[in-house]
Amino acid sequence: RFDGQVSTFWPGHGPVYRDLFPEPPPPGALPSC
């Protein structure tokens, strides 16, 4: 919609994707574009 997010994940230098989002959401919980 009108929101956006951006980050960089680099193992050994900082967090990775699962540090921000540890587990997938339930099926269908997030609407698509």
ModelCIF file with pLDDT and N, C-alpha, C, O atoms, coordinates in Angstrom:
data_MODEL
#
_entry.id   MODEL 
#
_entity.id                         1 
_entity.type                       polymer 
_entity.pdbx_number_of_molecules   1 
#
_entity_poly.entity_id                      1 
_entity_poly.type                           'polypeptide(L)' 
_entity_poly.nstd_linkage                   no 
_entity_poly.nstd_monomer                   no 
_entity_poly.pdbx_seq_one_letter_code       RFDGQVSTFWPGHGPVYRDLFPEPPPPGALPSC 
_entity_poly.pdbx_seq_one_letter_code_can   RFDGQVSTFWPGHGPVYRDLFPEPPPPGALPSC 
_entity_poly.pdbx_strand_id                 A 
#
loop_
_entity_poly_seq.entity_id 
_entity_poly_seq.num 
_entity_poly_seq.mon_id 
_entity_poly_seq.hetero 
1 1  ARG n 
1 2  PHE n 
1 3  ASP n 
1 4  GLY n 
1 5  GLN n 
1 6  VAL n 
1 7  SER n 
1 8  THR n 
1 9  PHE n 
1 10 TRP n 
1 11 PRO n 
1 12 GLY n 
1 13 HIS n 
1 14 GLY n 
1 15 PRO n 
1 16 VAL n 
1 17 TYR n 
1 18 ARG n 
1 19 ASP n 
1 20 LEU n 
1 21 PHE n 
1 22 PRO n 
1 23 GLU n 
1 24 PRO n 
1 25 PRO n 
1 26 PRO n 
1 27 PRO n 
1 28 GLY n 
1 29 ALA n 
1 30 LEU n 
1 31 PRO n 
1 32 SER n 
1 33 CYS n 
#
_struct_asym.id          A 
_struct_asym.entity_id   1 
#
loop_
_ma_qa_metric.id 
_ma_qa_metric.mode 
_ma_qa_metric.name 
_ma_qa_metric.software_group_id 
_ma_qa_metric.type 
1 global pLDDT . pLDDT 
2 local  pLDDT . pLDDT 
#
_ma_qa_metric_global.metric_id      1 
_ma_qa_metric_global.metric_value   85.18 
_ma_qa_metric_global.model_id       1 
_ma_qa_metric_global.ordinal_id     1 
#
loop_
_ma_qa_metric_local.label_asym_id 
_ma_qa_metric_local.label_comp_id 
_ma_qa_metric_local.label_seq_id 
_ma_qa_metric_local.metric_id 
_ma_qa_metric_local.metric_value 
_ma_qa_metric_local.model_id 
_ma_qa_metric_local.ordinal_id 
A ARG 1  2 90.00 1 1  
A PHE 2  2 93.00 1 2  
A ASP 3  2 93.00 1 3  
A GLY 4  2 96.00 1 4  
A GLN 5  2 97.00 1 5  
A VAL 6  2 98.00 1 6  
A SER 7  2 98.00 1 7  
A THR 8  2 98.00 1 8  
A PHE 9  2 97.00 1 9  
A TRP 10 2 95.00 1 10 
A PRO 11 2 93.00 1 11 
A GLY 12 2 91.00 1 12 
A HIS 13 2 93.00 1 13 
A GLY 14 2 94.00 1 14 
A PRO 15 2 96.00 1 15 
A VAL 16 2 96.00 1 16 
A TYR 17 2 96.00 1 17 
A ARG 18 2 95.00 1 18 
A ASP 19 2 95.00 1 19 
A LEU 20 2 94.00 1 20 
A PHE 21 2 92.00 1 21 
A PRO 22 2 91.00 1 22 
A GLU 23 2 86.00 1 23 
A PRO 24 2 83.00 1 24 
A PRO 25 2 76.00 1 25 
A PRO 26 2 65.00 1 26 
A PRO 27 2 60.00 1 27 
A GLY 28 2 58.00 1 28 
A ALA 29 2 59.00 1 29 
A LEU 30 2 61.00 1 30 
A PRO 31 2 62.00 1 31 
A SER 32 2 61.00 1 32 
A CYS 33 2 59.00 1 33 
#
loop_
_atom_site.group_PDB 
_atom_site.id 
_atom_site.type_symbol 
_atom_site.label_atom_id 
_atom_site.label_alt_id 
_atom_site.label_comp_id 
_atom_site.label_asym_id 
_atom_site.label_entity_id 
_atom_site.label_seq_id 
_atom_site.pdbx_PDB_ins_code 
_atom_site.Cartn_x 
_atom_site.Cartn_y 
_atom_site.Cartn_z 
_atom_site.occupancy 
_atom_site.B_iso_or_equiv 
_atom_site.pdbx_formal_charge 
_atom_site.auth_seq_id 
_atom_site.auth_comp_id 
_atom_site.auth_asym_id 
_atom_site.auth_atom_id 
_atom_site.pdbx_PDB_model_num 
ATOM 1   N N  . ARG A 1 1  ? 0.827  -1.192  0.000  1.00 90.00 ? 1  ARG A N  1 
ATOM 2   C CA . ARG A 1 1  ? 0.000  0.000   0.000  1.00 90.00 ? 1  ARG A CA 1 
ATOM 3   C C  . ARG A 1 1  ? 0.870  1.254   0.000  1.00 90.00 ? 1  ARG A C  1 
ATOM 4   O O  . ARG A 1 1  ? 1.491  1.559   -1.018 1.00 90.00 ? 1  ARG A O  1 
ATOM 5   N N  . PHE A 1 2  ? 0.933  1.993   1.118  1.00 93.00 ? 2  PHE A N  1 
ATOM 6   C CA . PHE A 1 2  ? 1.696  3.236   1.178  1.00 93.00 ? 2  PHE A CA 1 
ATOM 7   C C  . PHE A 1 2  ? 2.912  3.121   2.093  1.00 93.00 ? 2  PHE A C  1 
ATOM 8   O O  . PHE A 1 2  ? 3.497  4.132   2.481  1.00 93.00 ? 2  PHE A O  1 
ATOM 9   N N  . ASP A 1 3  ? 3.292  1.896   2.436  1.00 93.00 ? 3  ASP A N  1 
ATOM 10  C CA . ASP A 1 3  ? 4.391  1.684   3.376  1.00 93.00 ? 3  ASP A CA 1 
ATOM 11  C C  . ASP A 1 3  ? 5.492  0.848   2.734  1.00 93.00 ? 3  ASP A C  1 
ATOM 12  O O  . ASP A 1 3  ? 5.242  0.022   1.856  1.00 93.00 ? 3  ASP A O  1 
ATOM 13  N N  . GLY A 1 4  ? 6.711  1.084   3.193  1.00 96.00 ? 4  GLY A N  1 
ATOM 14  C CA . GLY A 1 4  ? 7.839  0.311   2.695  1.00 96.00 ? 4  GLY A CA 1 
ATOM 15  C C  . GLY A 1 4  ? 8.882  0.096   3.775  1.00 96.00 ? 4  GLY A C  1 
ATOM 16  O O  . GLY A 1 4  ? 8.968  0.868   4.730  1.00 96.00 ? 4  GLY A O  1 
ATOM 17  N N  . GLN A 1 5  ? 9.678  -0.964  3.619  1.00 97.00 ? 5  GLN A N  1 
ATOM 18  C CA . GLN A 1 5  ? 10.742 -1.281  4.564  1.00 97.00 ? 5  GLN A CA 1 
ATOM 19  C C  . GLN A 1 5  ? 11.975 -1.712  3.790  1.00 97.00 ? 5  GLN A C  1 
ATOM 20  O O  . GLN A 1 5  ? 11.872 -2.290  2.708  1.00 97.00 ? 5  GLN A O  1 
ATOM 21  N N  . VAL A 1 6  ? 13.137 -1.428  4.351  1.00 98.00 ? 6  VAL A N  1 
ATOM 22  C CA . VAL A 1 6  ? 14.392 -1.858  3.721  1.00 98.00 ? 6  VAL A CA 1 
ATOM 23  C C  . VAL A 1 6  ? 15.441 -2.061  4.807  1.00 98.00 ? 6  VAL A C  1 
ATOM 24  O O  . VAL A 1 6  ? 15.504 -1.306  5.777  1.00 98.00 ? 6  VAL A O  1 
ATOM 25  N N  . SER A 1 7  ? 16.259 -3.088  4.630  1.00 98.00 ? 7  SER A N  1 
ATOM 26  C CA . SER A 1 7  ? 17.346 -3.361  5.565  1.00 98.00 ? 7  SER A CA 1 
ATOM 27  C C  . SER A 1 7  ? 18.391 -4.203  4.856  1.00 98.00 ? 7  SER A C  1 
ATOM 28  O O  . SER A 1 7  ? 18.176 -4.676  3.740  1.00 98.00 ? 7  SER A O  1 
ATOM 29  N N  . THR A 1 8  ? 19.525 -4.384  5.519  1.00 98.00 ? 8  THR A N  1 
ATOM 30  C CA . THR A 1 8  ? 20.597 -5.240  5.005  1.00 98.00 ? 8  THR A CA 1 
ATOM 31  C C  . THR A 1 8  ? 20.965 -6.249  6.084  1.00 98.00 ? 8  THR A C  1 
ATOM 32  O O  . THR A 1 8  ? 21.227 -5.879  7.229  1.00 98.00 ? 8  THR A O  1 
ATOM 33  N N  . PHE A 1 9  ? 20.983 -7.515  5.717  1.00 97.00 ? 9  PHE A N  1 
ATOM 34  C CA . PHE A 1 9  ? 21.349 -8.598  6.629  1.00 97.00 ? 9  PHE A CA 1 
ATOM 35  C C  . PHE A 1 9  ? 22.692 -9.169  6.181  1.00 97.00 ? 9  PHE A C  1 
ATOM 36  O O  . PHE A 1 9  ? 22.887 -9.512  5.015  1.00 97.00 ? 9  PHE A O  1 
ATOM 37  N N  . TRP A 1 10 ? 23.612 -9.260  7.142  1.00 95.00 ? 10 TRP A N  1 
ATOM 38  C CA . TRP A 1 10 ? 24.952 -9.732  6.789  1.00 95.00 ? 10 TRP A CA 1 
ATOM 39  C C  . TRP A 1 10 ? 25.483 -10.597 7.923  1.00 95.00 ? 10 TRP A C  1 
ATOM 40  O O  . TRP A 1 10 ? 25.954 -10.072 8.932  1.00 95.00 ? 10 TRP A O  1 
ATOM 41  N N  . PRO A 1 11 ? 25.413 -11.922 7.770  1.00 93.00 ? 11 PRO A N  1 
ATOM 42  C CA . PRO A 1 11 ? 25.900 -12.806 8.827  1.00 93.00 ? 11 PRO A CA 1 
ATOM 43  C C  . PRO A 1 11 ? 27.374 -12.542 9.121  1.00 93.00 ? 11 PRO A C  1 
ATOM 44  O O  . PRO A 1 11 ? 28.189 -12.394 8.210  1.00 93.00 ? 11 PRO A O  1 
ATOM 45  N N  . GLY A 1 12 ? 27.694 -12.486 10.392 1.00 91.00 ? 12 GLY A N  1 
ATOM 46  C CA . GLY A 1 12 ? 29.059 -12.185 10.805 1.00 91.00 ? 12 GLY A CA 1 
ATOM 47  C C  . GLY A 1 12 ? 29.293 -10.715 11.060 1.00 91.00 ? 12 GLY A C  1 
ATOM 48  O O  . GLY A 1 12 ? 30.230 -10.349 11.770 1.00 91.00 ? 12 GLY A O  1 
ATOM 49  N N  . HIS A 1 13 ? 28.454 -9.866  10.491 1.00 93.00 ? 13 HIS A N  1 
ATOM 50  C CA . HIS A 1 13 ? 28.566 -8.418  10.686 1.00 93.00 ? 13 HIS A CA 1 
ATOM 51  C C  . HIS A 1 13 ? 27.328 -7.833  11.368 1.00 93.00 ? 13 HIS A C  1 
ATOM 52  O O  . HIS A 1 13 ? 27.357 -6.691  11.827 1.00 93.00 ? 13 HIS A O  1 
ATOM 53  N N  . GLY A 1 14 ? 26.251 -8.601  11.437 1.00 94.00 ? 14 GLY A N  1 
ATOM 54  C CA . GLY A 1 14 ? 25.018 -8.099  12.024 1.00 94.00 ? 14 GLY A CA 1 
ATOM 55  C C  . GLY A 1 14 ? 23.935 -9.161  11.951 1.00 94.00 ? 14 GLY A C  1 
ATOM 56  O O  . GLY A 1 14 ? 24.237 -10.329 11.705 1.00 94.00 ? 14 GLY A O  1 
ATOM 57  N N  . PRO A 1 15 ? 22.684 -8.782  12.161 1.00 96.00 ? 15 PRO A N  1 
ATOM 58  C CA . PRO A 1 15 ? 21.576 -9.738  12.174 1.00 96.00 ? 15 PRO A CA 1 
ATOM 59  C C  . PRO A 1 15 ? 21.304 -10.317 10.792 1.00 96.00 ? 15 PRO A C  1 
ATOM 60  O O  . PRO A 1 15 ? 21.765 -9.800  9.774  1.00 96.00 ? 15 PRO A O  1 
ATOM 61  N N  . VAL A 1 16 ? 20.541 -11.407 10.790 1.00 96.00 ? 16 VAL A N  1 
ATOM 62  C CA . VAL A 1 16 ? 20.062 -12.020 9.560  1.00 96.00 ? 16 VAL A CA 1 
ATOM 63  C C  . VAL A 1 16 ? 18.537 -11.905 9.539  1.00 96.00 ? 16 VAL A C  1 
ATOM 64  O O  . VAL A 1 16 ? 17.927 -11.403 10.483 1.00 96.00 ? 16 VAL A O  1 
ATOM 65  N N  . TYR A 1 17 ? 17.937 -12.374 8.453  1.00 96.00 ? 17 TYR A N  1 
ATOM 66  C CA . TYR A 1 17 ? 16.497 -12.195 8.264  1.00 96.00 ? 17 TYR A CA 1 
ATOM 67  C C  . TYR A 1 17 ? 15.684 -12.750 9.430  1.00 96.00 ? 17 TYR A C  1 
ATOM 68  O O  . TYR A 1 17 ? 14.718 -12.124 9.866  1.00 96.00 ? 17 TYR A O  1 
ATOM 69  N N  . ARG A 1 18 ? 16.070 -13.919 9.937  1.00 95.00 ? 18 ARG A N  1 
ATOM 70  C CA . ARG A 1 18 ? 15.283 -14.545 11.016 1.00 95.00 ? 18 ARG A CA 1 
ATOM 71  C C  . ARG A 1 18 ? 15.460 -13.837 12.359 1.00 95.00 ? 18 ARG A C  1 
ATOM 72  O O  . ARG A 1 18 ? 14.695 -14.102 13.287 1.00 95.00 ? 18 ARG A O  1 
ATOM 73  N N  . ASP A 1 19 ? 16.420 -12.967 12.488 1.00 95.00 ? 19 ASP A N  1 
ATOM 74  C CA . ASP A 1 19 ? 16.495 -12.163 13.700 1.00 95.00 ? 19 ASP A CA 1 
ATOM 75  C C  . ASP A 1 19 ? 15.381 -11.119 13.724 1.00 95.00 ? 19 ASP A C  1 
ATOM 76  O O  . ASP A 1 19 ? 14.925 -10.713 14.793 1.00 95.00 ? 19 ASP A O  1 
ATOM 77  N N  . LEU A 1 20 ? 14.948 -10.690 12.544 1.00 94.00 ? 20 LEU A N  1 
ATOM 78  C CA . LEU A 1 20 ? 13.842 -9.734  12.450 1.00 94.00 ? 20 LEU A CA 1 
ATOM 79  C C  . LEU A 1 20 ? 12.497 -10.442 12.389 1.00 94.00 ? 20 LEU A C  1 
ATOM 80  O O  . LEU A 1 20 ? 11.524 -10.001 13.000 1.00 94.00 ? 20 LEU A O  1 
ATOM 81  N N  . PHE A 1 21 ? 12.451 -11.543 11.646 1.00 92.00 ? 21 PHE A N  1 
ATOM 82  C CA . PHE A 1 21 ? 11.215 -12.317 11.488 1.00 92.00 ? 21 PHE A CA 1 
ATOM 83  C C  . PHE A 1 21 ? 11.524 -13.782 11.830 1.00 92.00 ? 21 PHE A C  1 
ATOM 84  O O  . PHE A 1 21 ? 11.815 -14.568 10.928 1.00 92.00 ? 21 PHE A O  1 
ATOM 85  N N  . PRO A 1 22 ? 11.467 -14.160 13.101 1.00 91.00 ? 22 PRO A N  1 
ATOM 86  C CA . PRO A 1 22 ? 11.905 -15.500 13.518 1.00 91.00 ? 22 PRO A CA 1 
ATOM 87  C C  . PRO A 1 22 ? 11.150 -16.639 12.860 1.00 91.00 ? 22 PRO A C  1 
ATOM 88  O O  . PRO A 1 22 ? 11.758 -17.643 12.489 1.00 91.00 ? 22 PRO A O  1 
ATOM 89  N N  . GLU A 1 23 ? 9.822  -16.508 12.705 1.00 86.00 ? 23 GLU A N  1 
ATOM 90  C CA . GLU A 1 23 ? 9.018  -17.593 12.159 1.00 86.00 ? 23 GLU A CA 1 
ATOM 91  C C  . GLU A 1 23 ? 8.048  -17.062 11.119 1.00 86.00 ? 23 GLU A C  1 
ATOM 92  O O  . GLU A 1 23 ? 7.593  -15.923 11.222 1.00 86.00 ? 23 GLU A O  1 
ATOM 93  N N  . PRO A 1 24 ? 7.724  -17.877 10.111 1.00 83.00 ? 24 PRO A N  1 
ATOM 94  C CA . PRO A 1 24 ? 6.730  -17.449 9.113  1.00 83.00 ? 24 PRO A CA 1 
ATOM 95  C C  . PRO A 1 24 ? 5.372  -17.242 9.768  1.00 83.00 ? 24 PRO A C  1 
ATOM 96  O O  . PRO A 1 24 ? 5.040  -17.932 10.732 1.00 83.00 ? 24 PRO A O  1 
ATOM 97  N N  . PRO A 1 25 ? 4.585  -16.306 9.259  1.00 76.00 ? 25 PRO A N  1 
ATOM 98  C CA . PRO A 1 25 ? 3.230  -16.103 9.784  1.00 76.00 ? 25 PRO A CA 1 
ATOM 99  C C  . PRO A 1 25 ? 2.320  -17.240 9.356  1.00 76.00 ? 25 PRO A C  1 
ATOM 100 O O  . PRO A 1 25 ? 2.669  -17.999 8.452  1.00 76.00 ? 25 PRO A O  1 
ATOM 101 N N  . PRO A 1 26 ? 1.159  -17.374 9.987  1.00 65.00 ? 26 PRO A N  1 
ATOM 102 C CA . PRO A 1 26 ? 0.208  -18.404 9.564  1.00 65.00 ? 26 PRO A CA 1 
ATOM 103 C C  . PRO A 1 26 ? -0.210 -18.192 8.117  1.00 65.00 ? 26 PRO A C  1 
ATOM 104 O O  . PRO A 1 26 ? -0.204 -17.060 7.632  1.00 65.00 ? 26 PRO A O  1 
ATOM 105 N N  . PRO A 1 27 ? -0.573 -19.269 7.417  1.00 60.00 ? 27 PRO A N  1 
ATOM 106 C CA . PRO A 1 27 ? -1.000 -19.136 6.024  1.00 60.00 ? 27 PRO A CA 1 
ATOM 107 C C  . PRO A 1 27 ? -2.133 -18.144 5.875  1.00 60.00 ? 27 PRO A C  1 
ATOM 108 O O  . PRO A 1 27 ? -3.125 -18.212 6.601  1.00 60.00 ? 27 PRO A O  1 
ATOM 109 N N  . GLY A 1 28 ? -1.987 -17.214 4.930  1.00 58.00 ? 28 GLY A N  1 
ATOM 110 C CA . GLY A 1 28 ? -3.036 -16.245 4.644  1.00 58.00 ? 28 GLY A CA 1 
ATOM 111 C C  . GLY A 1 28 ? -3.127 -15.095 5.614  1.00 58.00 ? 28 GLY A C  1 
ATOM 112 O O  . GLY A 1 28 ? -4.015 -14.251 5.487  1.00 58.00 ? 28 GLY A O  1 
ATOM 113 N N  . ALA A 1 29 ? -2.215 -15.038 6.600  1.00 59.00 ? 29 ALA A N  1 
ATOM 114 C CA . ALA A 1 29 ? -2.311 -13.990 7.613  1.00 59.00 ? 29 ALA A CA 1 
ATOM 115 C C  . ALA A 1 29 ? -1.942 -12.623 7.049  1.00 59.00 ? 29 ALA A C  1 
ATOM 116 O O  . ALA A 1 29 ? -2.459 -11.601 7.501  1.00 59.00 ? 29 ALA A O  1 
ATOM 117 N N  . LEU A 1 30 ? -1.041 -12.605 6.055  1.00 61.00 ? 30 LEU A N  1 
ATOM 118 C CA . LEU A 1 30 ? -0.605 -11.339 5.480  1.00 61.00 ? 30 LEU A CA 1 
ATOM 119 C C  . LEU A 1 30 ? -1.211 -11.170 4.095  1.00 61.00 ? 30 LEU A C  1 
ATOM 120 O O  . LEU A 1 30 ? -1.075 -12.063 3.259  1.00 61.00 ? 30 LEU A O  1 
ATOM 121 N N  . PRO A 1 31 ? -1.875 -10.048 3.827  1.00 62.00 ? 31 PRO A N  1 
ATOM 122 C CA . PRO A 1 31 ? -2.417 -9.816  2.490  1.00 62.00 ? 31 PRO A CA 1 
ATOM 123 C C  . PRO A 1 31 ? -1.303 -9.508  1.503  1.00 62.00 ? 31 PRO A C  1 
ATOM 124 O O  . PRO A 1 31 ? -0.259 -8.973  1.877  1.00 62.00 ? 31 PRO A O  1 
ATOM 125 N N  . SER A 1 32 ? -1.531 -9.847  0.244  1.00 61.00 ? 32 SER A N  1 
ATOM 126 C CA . SER A 1 32 ? -0.561 -9.548  -0.799 1.00 61.00 ? 32 SER A CA 1 
ATOM 127 C C  . SER A 1 32 ? -0.880 -8.202  -1.428 1.00 61.00 ? 32 SER A C  1 
ATOM 128 O O  . SER A 1 32 ? -1.942 -7.624  -1.194 1.00 61.00 ? 32 SER A O  1 
ATOM 129 N N  . CYS A 1 33 ? 0.068  -7.709  -2.240 1.00 59.00 ? 33 CYS A N  1 
ATOM 130 C CA . CYS A 1 33 ? -0.192 -6.466  -2.977 1.00 59.00 ? 33 CYS A CA 1 
ATOM 131 C C  . CYS A 1 33 ? -1.364 -6.639  -3.934 1.00 59.00 ? 33 CYS A C  1 
ATOM 132 O O  . CYS A 1 33 ? -1.729 -5.698  -4.639 1.00 59.00 ? 33 CYS A O  1 
#
